[in-house]
Amino acid sequence: MIWGSLLSPSPNTLTTVLPPFVNYYGGLHGGVAATVAIRVATACARTVVAEEKPLFLGEQSISYLSAASINAELVVDGTVLRSGRNITVVSIEIRLKQTEKLLYTAQATFYHLPPSKL
């Protein structure tokens, strides 16, 4: 189930494409792929940024290389490319589980906000 595994995503997530998330042409809807990428990117960024520091998604890019069909099992891998005092950059790859074919690749830049002093 695509949302069941994303309620508490980890840097490496396995998910399945269900019929409600498929577009007119039978492939995974692009907005769903982008949402999956951001959920996993946030989980990756949280592995290196303290929980009390708020994160702000500043930039996101995604490349749609191929479509995922109905009932396809996908492996979503996230990697922190660099993390500093104010910025964390994460790369995401979404592949077919069976053939390891690369379907989508994404990159997200998170800005660290200073904690409020109220």
PDB file of N, CA and C in Angstrom:
ATOM      1  N   MET A   1       0.853  -1.165   0.000  1.00  0.00           N
ATOM      2  CA  MET A   1       0.000   0.000   0.000  1.00  0.00           C
ATOM      3  C   MET A   1       0.896   1.224   0.000  1.00  0.00           C
ATOM      4  N   ILE A   2       0.625   2.174  -0.876  1.00  0.00           N
ATOM      5  CA  ILE A   2       1.535   3.288  -1.050  1.00  0.00           C
ATOM      6  C   ILE A   2       1.555   4.225   0.149  1.00  0.00           C
ATOM      7  N   TRP A   3       0.444   4.479   0.802  1.00  0.00           N
ATOM      8  CA  TRP A   3       0.463   5.413   1.935  1.00  0.00           C
ATOM      9  C   TRP A   3       0.739   4.700   3.241  1.00  0.00           C
ATOM     10  N   GLY A   4       0.444   3.428   3.350  1.00  0.00           N
ATOM     11  CA  GLY A   4       0.696   2.700   4.587  1.00  0.00           C
ATOM     12  C   GLY A   4       2.163   2.709   4.972  1.00  0.00           C
ATOM     13  N   SER A   5       3.048   2.536   3.997  1.00  0.00           N
ATOM     14  CA  SER A   5       4.471   2.517   4.297  1.00  0.00           C
ATOM     15  C   SER A   5       5.044   3.920   4.419  1.00  0.00           C
ATOM     16  N   LEU A   6       4.289   4.931   4.019  1.00  0.00           N
ATOM     17  CA  LEU A   6       4.804   6.294   4.058  1.00  0.00           C
ATOM     18  C   LEU A   6       4.313   7.086   5.260  1.00  0.00           C
ATOM     19  N   LEU A   7       3.487   6.455   6.115  1.00  0.00           N
ATOM     20  CA  LEU A   7       3.062   7.160   7.317  1.00  0.00           C
ATOM     21  C   LEU A   7       4.249   7.385   8.237  1.00  0.00           C
ATOM     22  N   SER A   8       5.170   6.447   8.266  1.00  0.00           N
ATOM     23  CA  SER A   8       6.420   6.628   9.006  1.00  0.00           C
ATOM     24  C   SER A   8       7.563   6.184   8.092  1.00  0.00           C
ATOM     25  N   PRO A   9       7.902   7.020   7.085  1.00  0.00           N
ATOM     26  CA  PRO A   9       8.901   6.609   6.102  1.00  0.00           C
ATOM     27  C   PRO A   9      10.296   6.544   6.699  1.00  0.00           C
ATOM     28  N   SER A  10      11.121   5.749   6.071  1.00  0.00           N
ATOM     29  CA  SER A  10      12.528   5.654   6.445  1.00  0.00           C
ATOM     30  C   SER A  10      13.344   5.955   5.189  1.00  0.00           C
ATOM     31  N   PRO A  11      14.665   6.123   5.317  1.00  0.00           N
ATOM     32  CA  PRO A  11      15.472   6.405   4.131  1.00  0.00           C
ATOM     33  C   PRO A  11      15.373   5.342   3.036  1.00  0.00           C
ATOM     34  N   ASN A  12      15.038   4.107   3.388  1.00  0.00           N
ATOM     35  CA  ASN A  12      14.817   3.054   2.389  1.00  0.00           C
ATOM     36  C   ASN A  12      13.423   2.500   2.599  1.00  0.00           C
ATOM     37  N   THR A  13      12.534   2.750   1.648  1.00  0.00           N
ATOM     38  CA  THR A  13      11.134   2.385   1.794  1.00  0.00           C
ATOM     39  C   THR A  13      10.698   1.527   0.619  1.00  0.00           C
ATOM     40  N   LEU A  14       9.883   0.526   0.897  1.00  0.00           N
ATOM     41  CA  LEU A  14       9.285  -0.319  -0.134  1.00  0.00           C
ATOM     42  C   LEU A  14       7.800   0.001  -0.199  1.00  0.00           C
ATOM     43  N   THR A  15       7.272   0.213  -1.391  1.00  0.00           N
ATOM     44  CA  THR A  15       5.866   0.561  -1.541  1.00  0.00           C
ATOM     45  C   THR A  15       5.310  -0.049  -2.827  1.00  0.00           C
ATOM     46  N   THR A  16       3.989  -0.099  -2.934  1.00  0.00           N
ATOM     47  CA  THR A  16       3.314  -0.677  -4.094  1.00  0.00           C
ATOM     48  C   THR A  16       2.395   0.362  -4.720  1.00  0.00           C
ATOM     49  N   VAL A  17       2.309   0.376  -6.046  1.00  0.00           N
ATOM     50  CA  VAL A  17       1.448   1.308  -6.764  1.00  0.00           C
ATOM     51  C   VAL A  17       0.027   0.736  -6.804  1.00  0.00           C
ATOM     52  N   LEU A  18      -0.916   1.450  -6.206  1.00  0.00           N
ATOM     53  CA  LEU A  18      -2.315   1.025  -6.180  1.00  0.00           C
ATOM     54  C   LEU A  18      -3.120   1.774  -7.241  1.00  0.00           C
ATOM     55  N   PRO A  19      -4.229   1.202  -7.731  1.00  0.00           N
ATOM     56  CA  PRO A  19      -5.019   1.827  -8.791  1.00  0.00           C
ATOM     57  C   PRO A  19      -5.475   3.268  -8.525  1.00  0.00           C
ATOM     58  N   PRO A  20      -5.828   3.680  -7.301  1.00  0.00           N
ATOM     59  CA  PRO A  20      -6.251   5.075  -7.123  1.00  0.00           C
ATOM     60  C   PRO A  20      -5.159   6.108  -7.403  1.00  0.00           C
ATOM     61  N   PHE A  21      -3.889   5.680  -7.431  1.00  0.00           N
ATOM     62  CA  PHE A  21      -2.784   6.605  -7.617  1.00  0.00           C
ATOM     63  C   PHE A  21      -2.203   6.572  -9.025  1.00  0.00           C
ATOM     64  N   VAL A  22      -2.963   6.029  -9.975  1.00  0.00           N
ATOM     65  CA  VAL A  22      -2.506   5.880 -11.351  1.00  0.00           C
ATOM     66  C   VAL A  22      -3.187   6.934 -12.220  1.00  0.00           C
ATOM     67  N   ASN A  23      -2.444   7.485 -13.178  1.00  0.00           N
ATOM     68  CA  ASN A  23      -3.015   8.495 -14.074  1.00  0.00           C
ATOM     69  C   ASN A  23      -3.776   7.847 -15.238  1.00  0.00           C
ATOM     70  N   TYR A  24      -4.245   8.666 -16.144  1.00  0.00           N
ATOM     71  CA  TYR A  24      -5.042   8.225 -17.285  1.00  0.00           C
ATOM     72  C   TYR A  24      -4.302   7.204 -18.156  1.00  0.00           C
ATOM     73  N   TYR A  25      -2.991   7.291 -18.212  1.00  0.00           N
ATOM     74  CA  TYR A  25      -2.191   6.418 -19.074  1.00  0.00           C
ATOM     75  C   TYR A  25      -1.750   5.124 -18.391  1.00  0.00           C
ATOM     76  N   GLY A  26      -2.127   4.923 -17.133  1.00  0.00           N
ATOM     77  CA  GLY A  26      -1.802   3.683 -16.434  1.00  0.00           C
ATOM     78  C   GLY A  26      -0.503   3.701 -15.656  1.00  0.00           C
ATOM     79  N   GLY A  27       0.135   4.853 -15.566  1.00  0.00           N
ATOM     80  CA  GLY A  27       1.370   4.975 -14.797  1.00  0.00           C
ATOM     81  C   GLY A  27       1.133   5.719 -13.495  1.00  0.00           C
ATOM     82  N   LEU A  28       2.076   5.620 -12.593  1.00  0.00           N
ATOM     83  CA  LEU A  28       1.990   6.321 -11.315  1.00  0.00           C
ATOM     84  C   LEU A  28       1.889   7.823 -11.573  1.00  0.00           C
ATOM     85  N   HIS A  29       0.913   8.463 -10.960  1.00  0.00           N
ATOM     86  CA  HIS A  29       0.703   9.904 -11.137  1.00  0.00           C
ATOM     87  C   HIS A  29       1.945  10.662 -10.658  1.00  0.00           C
ATOM     88  N   GLY A  30       2.350  11.662 -11.422  1.00  0.00           N
ATOM     89  CA  GLY A  30       3.555  12.415 -11.105  1.00  0.00           C
ATOM     90  C   GLY A  30       3.510  13.101  -9.747  1.00  0.00           C
ATOM     91  N   GLY A  31       2.340  13.584  -9.355  1.00  0.00           N
ATOM     92  CA  GLY A  31       2.205  14.228  -8.055  1.00  0.00           C
ATOM     93  C   GLY A  31       2.413  13.250  -6.911  1.00  0.00           C
ATOM     94  N   VAL A  32       1.995  12.016  -7.103  1.00  0.00           N
ATOM     95  CA  VAL A  32       2.195  10.983  -6.084  1.00  0.00           C
ATOM     96  C   VAL A  32       3.685  10.647  -5.980  1.00  0.00           C
ATOM     97  N   ALA A  33       4.349  10.545  -7.119  1.00  0.00           N
ATOM     98  CA  ALA A  33       5.793  10.269  -7.102  1.00  0.00           C
ATOM     99  C   ALA A  33       6.542  11.395  -6.391  1.00  0.00           C
ATOM    100  N   ALA A  34       6.156  12.630  -6.641  1.00  0.00           N
ATOM    101  CA  ALA A  34       6.807  13.768  -5.984  1.00  0.00           C
ATOM    102  C   ALA A  34       6.533  13.765  -4.479  1.00  0.00           C
ATOM    103  N   THR A  35       5.316  13.422  -4.086  1.00  0.00           N
ATOM    104  CA  THR A  35       4.975  13.362  -2.664  1.00  0.00           C
ATOM    105  C   THR A  35       5.756  12.270  -1.953  1.00  0.00           C
ATOM    106  N   VAL A  36       5.868  11.118  -2.586  1.00  0.00           N
ATOM    107  CA  VAL A  36       6.656  10.020  -2.019  1.00  0.00           C
ATOM    108  C   VAL A  36       8.109  10.464  -1.849  1.00  0.00           C
ATOM    109  N   ALA A  37       8.650  11.124  -2.860  1.00  0.00           N
ATOM    110  CA  ALA A  37      10.042  11.583  -2.799  1.00  0.00           C
ATOM    111  C   ALA A  37      10.246  12.568  -1.648  1.00  0.00           C
ATOM    112  N   ILE A  38       9.320  13.488  -1.450  1.00  0.00           N
ATOM    113  CA  ILE A  38       9.471  14.482  -0.386  1.00  0.00           C
ATOM    114  C   ILE A  38       9.326  13.850   0.997  1.00  0.00           C
ATOM    115  N   ARG A  39       8.398  12.905   1.140  1.00  0.00           N
ATOM    116  CA  ARG A  39       8.240  12.237   2.445  1.00  0.00           C
ATOM    117  C   ARG A  39       9.526  11.505   2.842  1.00  0.00           C
ATOM    118  N   VAL A  40      10.123  10.811   1.892  1.00  0.00           N
ATOM    119  CA  VAL A  40      11.357  10.079   2.184  1.00  0.00           C
ATOM    120  C   VAL A  40      12.527  11.053   2.364  1.00  0.00           C
ATOM    121  N   ALA A  41      12.559  12.132   1.587  1.00  0.00           N
ATOM    122  CA  ALA A  41      13.620  13.137   1.744  1.00  0.00           C
ATOM    123  C   ALA A  41      13.569  13.770   3.128  1.00  0.00           C
ATOM    124  N   THR A  42      12.377  14.043   3.614  1.00  0.00           N
ATOM    125  CA  THR A  42      12.238  14.614   4.954  1.00  0.00           C
ATOM    126  C   THR A  42      12.738  13.634   6.014  1.00  0.00           C
ATOM    127  N   ALA A  43      12.399  12.354   5.844  1.00  0.00           N
ATOM    128  CA  ALA A  43      12.884  11.331   6.783  1.00  0.00           C
ATOM    129  C   ALA A  43      14.410  11.255   6.769  1.00  0.00           C
ATOM    130  N   CYS A  44      15.008  11.373   5.587  1.00  0.00           N
ATOM    131  CA  CYS A  44      16.473  11.347   5.481  1.00  0.00           C
ATOM    132  C   CYS A  44      17.089  12.569   6.156  1.00  0.00           C
ATOM    133  N   ALA A  45      16.509  13.730   5.906  1.00  0.00           N
ATOM    134  CA  ALA A  45      17.041  14.960   6.502  1.00  0.00           C
ATOM    135  C   ALA A  45      16.956  14.900   8.022  1.00  0.00           C
ATOM    136  N   ARG A  46      15.910  14.282   8.536  1.00  0.00           N
ATOM    137  CA  ARG A  46      15.742  14.177   9.986  1.00  0.00           C
ATOM    138  C   ARG A  46      16.784  13.259  10.629  1.00  0.00           C
ATOM    139  N   THR A  47      17.462  12.430   9.848  1.00  0.00           N
ATOM    140  CA  THR A  47      18.500  11.580  10.417  1.00  0.00           C
ATOM    141  C   THR A  47      19.749  12.365  10.774  1.00  0.00           C
ATOM    142  N   VAL A  48      19.930  13.556  10.187  1.00  0.00           N
ATOM    143  CA  VAL A  48      21.125  14.353  10.462  1.00  0.00           C
ATOM    144  C   VAL A  48      20.816  15.697  11.118  1.00  0.00           C
ATOM    145  N   VAL A  49      19.552  16.105  11.147  1.00  0.00           N
ATOM    146  CA  VAL A  49      19.164  17.386  11.748  1.00  0.00           C
ATOM    147  C   VAL A  49      18.396  17.101  13.032  1.00  0.00           C
ATOM    148  N   ALA A  50      18.722  17.819  14.086  1.00  0.00           N
ATOM    149  CA  ALA A  50      18.066  17.615  15.376  1.00  0.00           C
ATOM    150  C   ALA A  50      16.558  17.852  15.257  1.00  0.00           C
ATOM    151  N   GLU A  51      15.807  17.104  16.032  1.00  0.00           N
ATOM    152  CA  GLU A  51      14.338  17.150  15.974  1.00  0.00           C
ATOM    153  C   GLU A  51      13.792  18.533  16.349  1.00  0.00           C
ATOM    154  N   GLU A  52      14.485  19.261  17.230  1.00  0.00           N
ATOM    155  CA  GLU A  52      13.967  20.564  17.652  1.00  0.00           C
ATOM    156  C   GLU A  52      14.195  21.659  16.615  1.00  0.00           C
ATOM    157  N   LYS A  53      15.022  21.380  15.589  1.00  0.00           N
ATOM    158  CA  LYS A  53      15.252  22.357  14.527  1.00  0.00           C
ATOM    159  C   LYS A  53      14.198  22.179  13.435  1.00  0.00           C
ATOM    160  N   PRO A  54      13.382  23.197  13.192  1.00  0.00           N
ATOM    161  CA  PRO A  54      12.408  23.090  12.097  1.00  0.00           C
ATOM    162  C   PRO A  54      13.107  23.077  10.730  1.00  0.00           C
ATOM    163  N   LEU A  55      12.560  22.318   9.794  1.00  0.00           N
ATOM    164  CA  LEU A  55      13.080  22.269   8.428  1.00  0.00           C
ATOM    165  C   LEU A  55      12.106  22.975   7.490  1.00  0.00           C
ATOM    166  N   PHE A  56      12.655  23.658   6.504  1.00  0.00           N
ATOM    167  CA  PHE A  56      11.858  24.326   5.482  1.00  0.00           C
ATOM    168  C   PHE A  56      12.313  23.802   4.127  1.00  0.00           C
ATOM    169  N   LEU A  57      11.386  23.256   3.343  1.00  0.00           N
ATOM    170  CA  LEU A  57      11.722  22.765   2.004  1.00  0.00           C
ATOM    171  C   LEU A  57      11.897  23.962   1.081  1.00  0.00           C
ATOM    172  N   GLY A  58      13.121  24.211   0.678  1.00  0.00           N
ATOM    173  CA  GLY A  58      13.415  25.370  -0.162  1.00  0.00           C
ATOM    174  C   GLY A  58      13.338  25.055  -1.636  1.00  0.00           C
ATOM    175  N   GLU A  59      13.858  23.921  -2.040  1.00  0.00           N
ATOM    176  CA  GLU A  59      13.866  23.546  -3.459  1.00  0.00           C
ATOM    177  C   GLU A  59      13.591  22.061  -3.601  1.00  0.00           C
ATOM    178  N   GLN A  60      12.919  21.733  -4.690  1.00  0.00           N
ATOM    179  CA  GLN A  60      12.692  20.330  -5.025  1.00  0.00           C
ATOM    180  C   GLN A  60      12.749  20.199  -6.537  1.00  0.00           C
ATOM    181  N   SER A  61      13.462  19.195  -7.004  1.00  0.00           N
ATOM    182  CA  SER A  61      13.452  18.885  -8.431  1.00  0.00           C
ATOM    183  C   SER A  61      13.239  17.386  -8.572  1.00  0.00           C
ATOM    184  N   ILE A  62      12.515  17.012  -9.610  1.00  0.00           N
ATOM    185  CA  ILE A  62      12.265  15.590  -9.850  1.00  0.00           C
ATOM    186  C   ILE A  62      12.338  15.338 -11.351  1.00  0.00           C
ATOM    187  N   SER A  63      12.969  14.238 -11.716  1.00  0.00           N
ATOM    188  CA  SER A  63      13.051  13.826 -13.115  1.00  0.00           C
ATOM    189  C   SER A  63      12.236  12.555 -13.279  1.00  0.00           C
ATOM    190  N   TYR A  64      11.284  12.607 -14.198  1.00  0.00           N
ATOM    191  CA  TYR A  64      10.420  11.470 -14.490  1.00  0.00           C
ATOM    192  C   TYR A  64      11.030  10.724 -15.670  1.00  0.00           C
ATOM    193  N   LEU A  65      11.704   9.614 -15.397  1.00  0.00           N
ATOM    194  CA  LEU A  65      12.418   8.880 -16.432  1.00  0.00           C
ATOM    195  C   LEU A  65      11.566   7.812 -17.090  1.00  0.00           C
ATOM    196  N   SER A  66      10.692   7.169 -16.306  1.00  0.00           N
ATOM    197  CA  SER A  66       9.826   6.115 -16.807  1.00  0.00           C
ATOM    198  C   SER A  66       8.646   5.977 -15.857  1.00  0.00           C
ATOM    199  N   ALA A  67       7.563   5.395 -16.332  1.00  0.00           N
ATOM    200  CA  ALA A  67       6.365   5.276 -15.496  1.00  0.00           C
ATOM    201  C   ALA A  67       6.345   3.945 -14.749  1.00  0.00           C
ATOM    202  N   ALA A  68       5.759   3.971 -13.562  1.00  0.00           N
ATOM    203  CA  ALA A  68       5.538   2.746 -12.778  1.00  0.00           C
ATOM    204  C   ALA A  68       4.094   2.307 -13.002  1.00  0.00           C
ATOM    205  N   SER A  69       3.886   1.065 -13.366  1.00  0.00           N
ATOM    206  CA  SER A  69       2.541   0.576 -13.668  1.00  0.00           C
ATOM    207  C   SER A  69       1.816   0.118 -12.404  1.00  0.00           C
ATOM    208  N   ILE A  70       0.537  -0.204 -12.569  1.00  0.00           N
ATOM    209  CA  ILE A  70      -0.289  -0.652 -11.451  1.00  0.00           C
ATOM    210  C   ILE A  70       0.307  -1.920 -10.834  1.00  0.00           C
ATOM    211  N   ASN A  71       0.272  -1.990  -9.497  1.00  0.00           N
ATOM    212  CA  ASN A  71       0.758  -3.115  -8.698  1.00  0.00           C
ATOM    213  C   ASN A  71       2.270  -3.331  -8.767  1.00  0.00           C
ATOM    214  N   ALA A  72       2.994  -2.369  -9.331  1.00  0.00           N
ATOM    215  CA  ALA A  72       4.451  -2.477  -9.351  1.00  0.00           C
ATOM    216  C   ALA A  72       4.983  -2.202  -7.948  1.00  0.00           C
ATOM    217  N   GLU A  73       5.967  -2.975  -7.535  1.00  0.00           N
ATOM    218  CA  GLU A  73       6.615  -2.741  -6.254  1.00  0.00           C
ATOM    219  C   GLU A  73       7.804  -1.814  -6.476  1.00  0.00           C
ATOM    220  N   LEU A  74       7.870  -0.766  -5.663  1.00  0.00           N
ATOM    221  CA  LEU A  74       8.902   0.241  -5.818  1.00  0.00           C
ATOM    222  C   LEU A  74       9.797   0.278  -4.587  1.00  0.00           C
ATOM    223  N   VAL A  75      11.069   0.528  -4.830  1.00  0.00           N
ATOM    224  CA  VAL A  75      12.024   0.744  -3.751  1.00  0.00           C
ATOM    225  C   VAL A  75      12.421   2.216  -3.813  1.00  0.00           C
ATOM    226  N   VAL A  76      12.242   2.912  -2.702  1.00  0.00           N
ATOM    227  CA  VAL A  76      12.566   4.337  -2.618  1.00  0.00           C
ATOM    228  C   VAL A  76      13.786   4.479  -1.722  1.00  0.00           C
ATOM    229  N   ASP A  77      14.901   4.938  -2.285  1.00  0.00           N
ATOM    230  CA  ASP A  77      16.152   5.102  -1.540  1.00  0.00           C
ATOM    231  C   ASP A  77      16.472   6.583  -1.399  1.00  0.00           C
ATOM    232  N   GLY A  78      16.794   6.975  -0.195  1.00  0.00           N
ATOM    233  CA  GLY A  78      17.167   8.353   0.073  1.00  0.00           C
ATOM    234  C   GLY A  78      18.579   8.431   0.607  1.00  0.00           C
ATOM    235  N   THR A  79      19.307   9.458   0.175  1.00  0.00           N
ATOM    236  CA  THR A  79      20.690   9.659   0.598  1.00  0.00           C
ATOM    237  C   THR A  79      20.910  11.131   0.900  1.00  0.00           C
ATOM    238  N   VAL A  80      21.526  11.409   2.023  1.00  0.00           N
ATOM    239  CA  VAL A  80      21.907  12.786   2.343  1.00  0.00           C
ATOM    240  C   VAL A  80      23.202  13.085   1.590  1.00  0.00           C
ATOM    241  N   LEU A  81      23.145  14.046   0.675  1.00  0.00           N
ATOM    242  CA  LEU A  81      24.338  14.399  -0.100  1.00  0.00           C
ATOM    243  C   LEU A  81      25.276  15.280   0.704  1.00  0.00           C
ATOM    244  N   ARG A  82      24.710  16.280   1.373  1.00  0.00           N
ATOM    245  CA  ARG A  82      25.508  17.129   2.253  1.00  0.00           C
ATOM    246  C   ARG A  82      24.602  17.783   3.278  1.00  0.00           C
ATOM    247  N   SER A  83      25.158  18.018   4.423  1.00  0.00           N
ATOM    248  CA  SER A  83      24.409  18.665   5.490  1.00  0.00           C
ATOM    249  C   SER A  83      25.357  19.575   6.246  1.00  0.00           C
ATOM    250  N   GLY A  84      24.927  20.801   6.409  1.00  0.00           N
ATOM    251  CA  GLY A  84      25.733  21.779   7.127  1.00  0.00           C
ATOM    252  C   GLY A  84      24.932  22.410   8.243  1.00  0.00           C
ATOM    253  N   ARG A  85      25.393  23.575   8.664  1.00  0.00           N
ATOM    254  CA  ARG A  85      24.735  24.263   9.768  1.00  0.00           C
ATOM    255  C   ARG A  85      23.357  24.779   9.374  1.00  0.00           C
ATOM    256  N   ASN A  86      23.190  25.202   8.110  1.00  0.00           N
ATOM    257  CA  ASN A  86      21.939  25.826   7.680  1.00  0.00           C
ATOM    258  C   ASN A  86      21.208  25.106   6.555  1.00  0.00           C
ATOM    259  N   ILE A  87      21.854  24.148   5.899  1.00  0.00           N
ATOM    260  CA  ILE A  87      21.267  23.511   4.706  1.00  0.00           C
ATOM    261  C   ILE A  87      21.526  22.012   4.739  1.00  0.00           C
ATOM    262  N   THR A  88      20.541  21.235   4.266  1.00  0.00           N
ATOM    263  CA  THR A  88      20.704  19.802   4.040  1.00  0.00           C
ATOM    264  C   THR A  88      20.184  19.487   2.640  1.00  0.00           C
ATOM    265  N   VAL A  89      20.972  18.765   1.859  1.00  0.00           N
ATOM    266  CA  VAL A  89      20.586  18.375   0.498  1.00  0.00           C
ATOM    267  C   VAL A  89      20.435  16.857   0.465  1.00  0.00           C
ATOM    268  N   VAL A  90      19.293  16.401  -0.055  1.00  0.00           N
ATOM    269  CA  VAL A  90      18.966  14.973  -0.084  1.00  0.00           C
ATOM    270  C   VAL A  90      18.674  14.552  -1.521  1.00  0.00           C
ATOM    271  N   SER A  91      19.136  13.371  -1.886  1.00  0.00           N
ATOM    272  CA  SER A  91      18.856  12.784  -3.194  1.00  0.00           C
ATOM    273  C   SER A  91      17.974  11.552  -3.007  1.00  0.00           C
ATOM    274  N   ILE A  92      16.982  11.393  -3.879  1.00  0.00           N
ATOM    275  CA  ILE A  92      16.036  10.280  -3.811  1.00  0.00           C
ATOM    276  C   ILE A  92      16.028   9.550  -5.148  1.00  0.00           C
ATOM    277  N   GLU A  93      16.026   8.223  -5.079  1.00  0.00           N
ATOM    278  CA  GLU A  93      15.864   7.394  -6.281  1.00  0.00           C
ATOM    279  C   GLU A  93      14.704   6.446  -6.058  1.00  0.00           C
ATOM    280  N   ILE A  94      13.817   6.368  -7.044  1.00  0.00           N
ATOM    281  CA  ILE A  94      12.686   5.435  -6.998  1.00  0.00           C
ATOM    282  C   ILE A  94      12.899   4.427  -8.126  1.00  0.00           C
ATOM    283  N   ARG A  95      13.012   3.149  -7.739  1.00  0.00           N
ATOM    284  CA  ARG A  95      13.305   2.080  -8.694  1.00  0.00           C
ATOM    285  C   ARG A  95      12.254   0.981  -8.609  1.00  0.00           C
ATOM    286  N   LEU A  96      12.139   0.205  -9.694  1.00  0.00           N
ATOM    287  CA  LEU A  96      11.327  -1.001  -9.664  1.00  0.00           C
ATOM    288  C   LEU A  96      12.066  -2.047  -8.838  1.00  0.00           C
ATOM    289  N   LYS A  97      11.359  -2.724  -7.974  1.00  0.00           N
ATOM    290  CA  LYS A  97      11.995  -3.729  -7.113  1.00  0.00           C
ATOM    291  C   LYS A  97      12.520  -4.907  -7.930  1.00  0.00           C
ATOM    292  N   GLN A  98      11.729  -5.354  -8.890  1.00  0.00           N
ATOM    293  CA  GLN A  98      12.069  -6.570  -9.635  1.00  0.00           C
ATOM    294  C   GLN A  98      13.297  -6.388 -10.535  1.00  0.00           C
ATOM    295  N   THR A  99      13.345  -5.292 -11.296  1.00  0.00           N
ATOM    296  CA  THR A  99      14.421  -5.108 -12.270  1.00  0.00           C
ATOM    297  C   THR A  99      15.451  -4.060 -11.858  1.00  0.00           C
ATOM    298  N   GLU A 100      15.184  -3.320 -10.783  1.00  0.00           N
ATOM    299  CA  GLU A 100      16.021  -2.227 -10.321  1.00  0.00           C
ATOM    300  C   GLU A 100      16.165  -1.113 -11.357  1.00  0.00           C
ATOM    301  N   LYS A 101      15.180  -1.004 -12.246  1.00  0.00           N
ATOM    302  CA  LYS A 101      15.167   0.061 -13.242  1.00  0.00           C
ATOM    303  C   LYS A 101      14.861   1.387 -12.552  1.00  0.00           C
ATOM    304  N   LEU A 102      15.640   2.415 -12.865  1.00  0.00           N
ATOM    305  CA  LEU A 102      15.445   3.733 -12.278  1.00  0.00           C
ATOM    306  C   LEU A 102      14.251   4.413 -12.952  1.00  0.00           C
ATOM    307  N   LEU A 103      13.225   4.768 -12.160  1.00  0.00           N
ATOM    308  CA  LEU A 103      12.017   5.395 -12.693  1.00  0.00           C
ATOM    309  C   LEU A 103      11.984   6.899 -12.459  1.00  0.00           C
ATOM    310  N   TYR A 104      12.301   7.302 -11.245  1.00  0.00           N
ATOM    311  CA  TYR A 104      12.249   8.707 -10.864  1.00  0.00           C
ATOM    312  C   TYR A 104      13.490   9.023 -10.041  1.00  0.00           C
ATOM    313  N   THR A 105      14.004  10.210 -10.216  1.00  0.00           N
ATOM    314  CA  THR A 105      15.092  10.692  -9.380  1.00  0.00           C
ATOM    315  C   THR A 105      14.736  12.096  -8.925  1.00  0.00           C
ATOM    316  N   ALA A 106      15.027  12.397  -7.675  1.00  0.00           N
ATOM    317  CA  ALA A 106      14.653  13.698  -7.123  1.00  0.00           C
ATOM    318  C   ALA A 106      15.770  14.219  -6.234  1.00  0.00           C
ATOM    319  N   GLN A 107      15.748  15.536  -6.044  1.00  0.00           N
ATOM    320  CA  GLN A 107      16.680  16.175  -5.130  1.00  0.00           C
ATOM    321  C   GLN A 107      15.915  17.244  -4.371  1.00  0.00           C
ATOM    322  N   ALA A 108      16.166  17.332  -3.079  1.00  0.00           N
ATOM    323  CA  ALA A 108      15.478  18.307  -2.231  1.00  0.00           C
ATOM    324  C   ALA A 108      16.497  19.044  -1.376  1.00  0.00           C
ATOM    325  N   THR A 109      16.296  20.341  -1.235  1.00  0.00           N
ATOM    326  CA  THR A 109      17.138  21.168  -0.378  1.00  0.00           C
ATOM    327  C   THR A 109      16.292  21.670   0.777  1.00  0.00           C
ATOM    328  N   PHE A 110      16.736  21.364   1.979  1.00  0.00           N
ATOM    329  CA  PHE A 110      16.040  21.807   3.191  1.00  0.00           C
ATOM    330  C   PHE A 110      16.877  22.875   3.875  1.00  0.00           C
ATOM    331  N   TYR A 111      16.208  23.931   4.314  1.00  0.00           N
ATOM    332  CA  TYR A 111      16.855  24.983   5.088  1.00  0.00           C
ATOM    333  C   TYR A 111      16.511  24.771   6.550  1.00  0.00           C
ATOM    334  N   HIS A 112      17.487  24.906   7.414  1.00  0.00           N
ATOM    335  CA  HIS A 112      17.276  24.757   8.845  1.00  0.00           C
ATOM    336  C   HIS A 112      16.863  26.110   9.409  1.00  0.00           C
ATOM    337  N   LEU A 113      15.739  26.147  10.068  1.00  0.00           N
ATOM    338  CA  LEU A 113      15.279  27.375  10.696  1.00  0.00           C
ATOM    339  C   LEU A 113      15.765  27.401  12.140  1.00  0.00           C
ATOM    340  N   PRO A 114      16.133  28.567  12.619  1.00  0.00           N
ATOM    341  CA  PRO A 114      16.547  28.616  14.031  1.00  0.00           C
ATOM    342  C   PRO A 114      15.346  28.366  14.946  1.00  0.00           C
ATOM    343  N   PRO A 115      15.556  27.658  16.036  1.00  0.00           N
ATOM    344  CA  PRO A 115      14.429  27.412  16.955  1.00  0.00           C
ATOM    345  C   PRO A 115      13.937  28.717  17.577  1.00  0.00           C
ATOM    346  N   SER A 116      12.644  28.825  17.741  1.00  0.00           N
ATOM    347  CA  SER A 116      12.084  30.046  18.320  1.00  0.00           C
ATOM    348  C   SER A 116      12.413  30.123  19.795  1.00  0.00           C
ATOM    349  N   LYS A 117      12.564  31.330  20.273  1.00  0.00           N
ATOM    350  CA  LYS A 117      12.923  31.536  21.683  1.00  0.00           C
ATOM    351  C   LYS A 117      11.775  32.218  22.397  1.00  0.00           C
ATOM    352  N   LEU A 118      10.635  31.568  22.409  1.00  0.00           N
ATOM    353  CA  LEU A 118       9.464  32.131  23.099  1.00  0.00           C
ATOM    354  C   LEU A 118       9.414  31.721  24.542  1.00  0.00           C
TER     355      LEU A 118
END
